[in-house]
Amino acid sequence: MRTLNTLTQNLIESLTQLLQKPGEDALQTLEVCAPVLIEQLQQVLVRAVDRRDIESQLRVVLNEWFEQHPQPEHAKAALFKALQTQSLTSPKPSKVSV
């Protein structure tokens, strides 16, 4: 999964700050940076991945791997807990159906 590049992160942070305090300066700044912001946001949209899709694919791959390479339940649970800790999966029962 790709992360946002620095320019996009900075643009999003700047846009957030501008929108929190709208005014004439904010409108002028938005007018100047809008083309770059739009381009960067379009790139984010093109590269965006739905986390639910990735999580589902990850669970399918892991279940298949566990079928071929049986592991103790505590090892499976530890793996899924680590994935959840790293925000790669949502909190679900770590029991894997094999």
N, C-alpha and C. Protein backbone atom coordinates (compact mmCIF):
# COMPACT_ATOMS: atom_id res chain seq x y z
N MET A 1 0.84 -1.16 0.00
CA MET A 1 0.00 0.00 0.00
C MET A 1 0.89 1.24 0.00
N ARG A 2 0.54 2.20 -0.81
CA ARG A 2 1.33 3.42 -0.88
C ARG A 2 0.90 4.40 0.19
N THR A 3 1.83 5.22 0.58
CA THR A 3 1.51 6.28 1.51
C THR A 3 1.46 7.59 0.75
N LEU A 4 0.89 8.59 1.36
CA LEU A 4 0.82 9.90 0.73
C LEU A 4 2.22 10.48 0.65
N ASN A 5 2.52 11.13 -0.48
CA ASN A 5 3.83 11.78 -0.57
C ASN A 5 3.80 13.07 0.26
N THR A 6 4.95 13.62 0.51
CA THR A 6 5.08 14.79 1.38
C THR A 6 4.27 15.97 0.86
N LEU A 7 4.32 16.21 -0.44
CA LEU A 7 3.58 17.33 -1.01
C LEU A 7 2.09 17.18 -0.74
N THR A 8 1.56 15.99 -0.95
CA THR A 8 0.13 15.76 -0.72
C THR A 8 -0.22 15.93 0.75
N GLN A 9 0.63 15.40 1.63
CA GLN A 9 0.39 15.56 3.06
C GLN A 9 0.37 17.03 3.45
N ASN A 10 1.34 17.78 2.94
CA ASN A 10 1.40 19.22 3.24
C ASN A 10 0.19 19.95 2.70
N LEU A 11 -0.24 19.60 1.49
CA LEU A 11 -1.41 20.25 0.90
C LEU A 11 -2.66 19.96 1.72
N ILE A 12 -2.82 18.72 2.14
CA ILE A 12 -4.00 18.35 2.93
C ILE A 12 -3.98 19.09 4.27
N GLU A 13 -2.82 19.14 4.91
CA GLU A 13 -2.72 19.85 6.18
C GLU A 13 -3.02 21.34 6.00
N SER A 14 -2.47 21.92 4.94
CA SER A 14 -2.72 23.34 4.68
C SER A 14 -4.19 23.60 4.38
N LEU A 15 -4.77 22.74 3.57
CA LEU A 15 -6.19 22.90 3.24
C LEU A 15 -7.05 22.78 4.49
N THR A 16 -6.73 21.85 5.33
CA THR A 16 -7.47 21.67 6.58
C THR A 16 -7.39 22.93 7.44
N GLN A 17 -6.19 23.49 7.55
CA GLN A 17 -6.03 24.71 8.34
C GLN A 17 -6.80 25.87 7.72
N LEU A 18 -6.74 25.99 6.40
CA LEU A 18 -7.46 27.07 5.73
C LEU A 18 -8.97 26.95 5.93
N LEU A 19 -9.48 25.74 5.84
CA LEU A 19 -10.92 25.54 5.97
C LEU A 19 -11.40 25.74 7.41
N GLN A 20 -10.50 25.59 8.36
CA GLN A 20 -10.88 25.82 9.75
C GLN A 20 -11.07 27.30 10.04
N LYS A 21 -10.38 28.16 9.27
CA LYS A 21 -10.47 29.61 9.46
C LYS A 21 -10.73 30.28 8.11
N PRO A 22 -11.92 30.07 7.56
CA PRO A 22 -12.20 30.66 6.25
C PRO A 22 -12.20 32.18 6.32
N GLY A 23 -11.75 32.76 5.26
CA GLY A 23 -11.71 34.22 5.16
C GLY A 23 -11.12 34.60 3.81
N GLU A 24 -10.93 35.88 3.60
CA GLU A 24 -10.41 36.36 2.32
C GLU A 24 -9.03 35.78 2.03
N ASP A 25 -8.14 35.75 3.03
CA ASP A 25 -6.80 35.17 2.83
C ASP A 25 -6.90 33.71 2.43
N ALA A 26 -7.80 32.98 3.07
CA ALA A 26 -7.96 31.56 2.77
C ALA A 26 -8.42 31.37 1.33
N LEU A 27 -9.36 32.20 0.90
CA LEU A 27 -9.86 32.09 -0.48
C LEU A 27 -8.75 32.40 -1.50
N GLN A 28 -7.95 33.40 -1.23
CA GLN A 28 -6.84 33.74 -2.14
C GLN A 28 -5.82 32.61 -2.18
N THR A 29 -5.52 32.05 -1.03
CA THR A 29 -4.56 30.95 -0.97
C THR A 29 -5.09 29.73 -1.71
N LEU A 30 -6.37 29.43 -1.51
CA LEU A 30 -6.97 28.30 -2.22
C LEU A 30 -6.96 28.51 -3.72
N GLU A 31 -7.20 29.73 -4.14
CA GLU A 31 -7.20 30.05 -5.57
C GLU A 31 -5.83 29.77 -6.18
N VAL A 32 -4.77 30.09 -5.45
CA VAL A 32 -3.41 29.89 -5.94
C VAL A 32 -3.03 28.41 -5.95
N CYS A 33 -3.36 27.70 -4.86
CA CYS A 33 -2.89 26.32 -4.76
C CYS A 33 -3.88 25.29 -5.30
N ALA A 34 -5.07 25.70 -5.69
CA ALA A 34 -6.09 24.77 -6.14
C ALA A 34 -5.63 23.84 -7.26
N PRO A 35 -4.97 24.33 -8.33
CA PRO A 35 -4.57 23.41 -9.39
C PRO A 35 -3.66 22.27 -8.90
N VAL A 36 -2.70 22.62 -8.06
CA VAL A 36 -1.78 21.60 -7.53
C VAL A 36 -2.53 20.66 -6.59
N LEU A 37 -3.38 21.22 -5.75
CA LEU A 37 -4.15 20.42 -4.82
C LEU A 37 -5.05 19.45 -5.57
N ILE A 38 -5.73 19.93 -6.59
CA ILE A 38 -6.62 19.07 -7.38
C ILE A 38 -5.82 17.94 -8.03
N GLU A 39 -4.68 18.27 -8.60
CA GLU A 39 -3.85 17.25 -9.24
C GLU A 39 -3.41 16.18 -8.24
N GLN A 40 -2.96 16.62 -7.07
CA GLN A 40 -2.50 15.69 -6.05
C GLN A 40 -3.65 14.84 -5.50
N LEU A 41 -4.80 15.45 -5.29
CA LEU A 41 -5.95 14.69 -4.80
C LEU A 41 -6.44 13.68 -5.84
N GLN A 42 -6.35 14.04 -7.12
CA GLN A 42 -6.71 13.09 -8.17
C GLN A 42 -5.76 11.89 -8.16
N GLN A 43 -4.48 12.14 -7.90
CA GLN A 43 -3.51 11.06 -7.80
C GLN A 43 -3.81 10.16 -6.60
N VAL A 44 -4.20 10.77 -5.49
CA VAL A 44 -4.57 9.99 -4.31
C VAL A 44 -5.76 9.10 -4.66
N LEU A 45 -6.75 9.66 -5.34
CA LEU A 45 -7.93 8.90 -5.73
C LEU A 45 -7.56 7.73 -6.64
N VAL A 46 -6.68 7.96 -7.59
CA VAL A 46 -6.26 6.91 -8.53
C VAL A 46 -5.55 5.78 -7.79
N ARG A 47 -4.71 6.14 -6.82
CA ARG A 47 -3.91 5.15 -6.10
C ARG A 47 -4.61 4.57 -4.88
N ALA A 48 -5.71 5.17 -4.50
CA ALA A 48 -6.38 4.77 -3.25
C ALA A 48 -6.83 3.32 -3.31
N VAL A 49 -6.72 2.69 -2.18
CA VAL A 49 -7.14 1.30 -2.04
C VAL A 49 -8.09 1.24 -0.86
N ASP A 50 -9.17 0.54 -1.05
CA ASP A 50 -10.12 0.38 0.04
C ASP A 50 -9.53 -0.62 1.04
N ARG A 51 -9.35 -0.17 2.25
CA ARG A 51 -8.74 -1.01 3.29
C ARG A 51 -9.51 -2.31 3.47
N ARG A 52 -10.84 -2.26 3.33
CA ARG A 52 -11.65 -3.47 3.50
C ARG A 52 -11.28 -4.51 2.46
N ASP A 53 -10.99 -4.08 1.23
CA ASP A 53 -10.58 -5.02 0.18
C ASP A 53 -9.24 -5.66 0.52
N ILE A 54 -8.30 -4.85 0.97
CA ILE A 54 -6.98 -5.36 1.33
C ILE A 54 -7.09 -6.32 2.50
N GLU A 55 -7.88 -5.94 3.49
CA GLU A 55 -8.04 -6.80 4.67
C GLU A 55 -8.63 -8.14 4.28
N SER A 56 -9.64 -8.11 3.44
CA SER A 56 -10.27 -9.34 2.99
C SER A 56 -9.28 -10.22 2.23
N GLN A 57 -8.53 -9.61 1.32
CA GLN A 57 -7.53 -10.37 0.55
C GLN A 57 -6.46 -10.94 1.47
N LEU A 58 -6.03 -10.15 2.45
CA LEU A 58 -5.01 -10.59 3.38
C LEU A 58 -5.49 -11.80 4.18
N ARG A 59 -6.72 -11.75 4.64
CA ARG A 59 -7.27 -12.87 5.41
C ARG A 59 -7.38 -14.13 4.54
N VAL A 60 -7.80 -13.98 3.30
CA VAL A 60 -7.90 -15.14 2.39
C VAL A 60 -6.54 -15.77 2.18
N VAL A 61 -5.54 -14.93 1.90
CA VAL A 61 -4.19 -15.44 1.66
C VAL A 61 -3.65 -16.13 2.90
N LEU A 62 -3.85 -15.52 4.07
CA LEU A 62 -3.37 -16.14 5.30
C LEU A 62 -4.08 -17.44 5.60
N ASN A 63 -5.39 -17.49 5.39
CA ASN A 63 -6.12 -18.74 5.61
C ASN A 63 -5.61 -19.84 4.70
N GLU A 64 -5.35 -19.50 3.44
CA GLU A 64 -4.80 -20.50 2.51
C GLU A 64 -3.41 -20.96 2.96
N TRP A 65 -2.60 -20.01 3.42
CA TRP A 65 -1.26 -20.36 3.87
C TRP A 65 -1.34 -21.26 5.10
N PHE A 66 -2.25 -20.94 6.03
CA PHE A 66 -2.41 -21.76 7.23
C PHE A 66 -2.90 -23.17 6.90
N GLU A 67 -3.69 -23.31 5.84
CA GLU A 67 -4.12 -24.64 5.41
C GLU A 67 -2.93 -25.46 4.95
N GLN A 68 -2.00 -24.83 4.26
CA GLN A 68 -0.82 -25.53 3.75
C GLN A 68 0.27 -25.68 4.80
N HIS A 69 0.29 -24.78 5.77
CA HIS A 69 1.33 -24.76 6.80
C HIS A 69 0.67 -24.60 8.17
N PRO A 70 0.10 -25.67 8.69
CA PRO A 70 -0.61 -25.57 9.98
C PRO A 70 0.27 -24.98 11.08
N GLN A 71 -0.37 -24.13 11.87
CA GLN A 71 0.31 -23.45 12.97
C GLN A 71 -0.54 -23.60 14.23
N PRO A 72 0.09 -23.52 15.39
CA PRO A 72 -0.70 -23.55 16.63
C PRO A 72 -1.65 -22.34 16.68
N GLU A 73 -2.78 -22.53 17.34
CA GLU A 73 -3.77 -21.45 17.43
C GLU A 73 -3.18 -20.18 18.04
N HIS A 74 -2.31 -20.32 19.04
CA HIS A 74 -1.75 -19.13 19.67
C HIS A 74 -0.85 -18.35 18.69
N ALA A 75 -0.21 -19.05 17.77
CA ALA A 75 0.62 -18.37 16.77
C ALA A 75 -0.27 -17.61 15.78
N LYS A 76 -1.37 -18.22 15.38
CA LYS A 76 -2.31 -17.55 14.47
C LYS A 76 -2.88 -16.30 15.15
N ALA A 77 -3.28 -16.48 16.41
CA ALA A 77 -3.86 -15.36 17.15
C ALA A 77 -2.84 -14.23 17.30
N ALA A 78 -1.60 -14.58 17.57
CA ALA A 78 -0.55 -13.56 17.71
C ALA A 78 -0.33 -12.82 16.40
N LEU A 79 -0.37 -13.53 15.29
CA LEU A 79 -0.19 -12.90 13.99
C LEU A 79 -1.32 -11.91 13.71
N PHE A 80 -2.55 -12.35 13.93
CA PHE A 80 -3.68 -11.46 13.66
C PHE A 80 -3.70 -10.28 14.64
N LYS A 81 -3.27 -10.49 15.87
CA LYS A 81 -3.18 -9.39 16.82
C LYS A 81 -2.13 -8.37 16.35
N ALA A 82 -1.00 -8.87 15.84
CA ALA A 82 0.04 -7.97 15.32
C ALA A 82 -0.47 -7.19 14.12
N LEU A 83 -1.22 -7.83 13.25
CA LEU A 83 -1.79 -7.14 12.09
C LEU A 83 -2.78 -6.07 12.54
N GLN A 84 -3.56 -6.39 13.56
CA GLN A 84 -4.52 -5.42 14.08
C GLN A 84 -3.79 -4.25 14.74
N THR A 85 -2.73 -4.54 15.49
CA THR A 85 -1.96 -3.49 16.15
C THR A 85 -1.37 -2.52 15.13
N GLN A 86 -0.97 -3.04 13.98
CA GLN A 86 -0.40 -2.20 12.93
C GLN A 86 -1.48 -1.60 12.04
N SER A 87 -2.74 -1.77 12.42
CA SER A 87 -3.90 -1.23 11.67
C SER A 87 -4.01 -1.82 10.28
N LEU A 88 -3.57 -3.05 10.11
CA LEU A 88 -3.70 -3.72 8.82
C LEU A 88 -4.98 -4.53 8.74
N THR A 89 -5.56 -4.84 9.90
CA THR A 89 -6.84 -5.51 9.95
C THR A 89 -7.68 -4.86 11.03
N SER A 90 -8.98 -5.03 10.93
CA SER A 90 -9.89 -4.47 11.94
C SER A 90 -10.04 -5.48 13.07
N PRO A 91 -10.50 -5.01 14.20
CA PRO A 91 -10.69 -5.94 15.32
C PRO A 91 -11.76 -6.97 15.00
N LYS A 92 -11.35 -8.19 14.84
CA LYS A 92 -12.26 -9.30 14.60
C LYS A 92 -11.72 -10.48 15.38
N PRO A 93 -12.52 -11.47 15.56
CA PRO A 93 -11.99 -12.64 16.25
C PRO A 93 -10.78 -13.16 15.49
N SER A 94 -9.72 -13.47 16.22
CA SER A 94 -8.49 -13.89 15.57
C SER A 94 -8.52 -15.37 15.21
N LYS A 95 -9.60 -16.05 15.51
CA LYS A 95 -9.71 -17.45 15.16
C LYS A 95 -9.78 -17.57 13.64
N VAL A 96 -8.95 -18.39 13.09
CA VAL A 96 -8.87 -18.54 11.64
C VAL A 96 -9.56 -19.83 11.26
N SER A 97 -10.44 -19.74 10.29
CA SER A 97 -11.12 -20.95 9.85
C SER A 97 -10.27 -21.63 8.79
N VAL A 98 -9.90 -22.86 9.07
CA VAL A 98 -9.11 -23.65 8.10
C VAL A 98 -9.77 -24.95 7.83
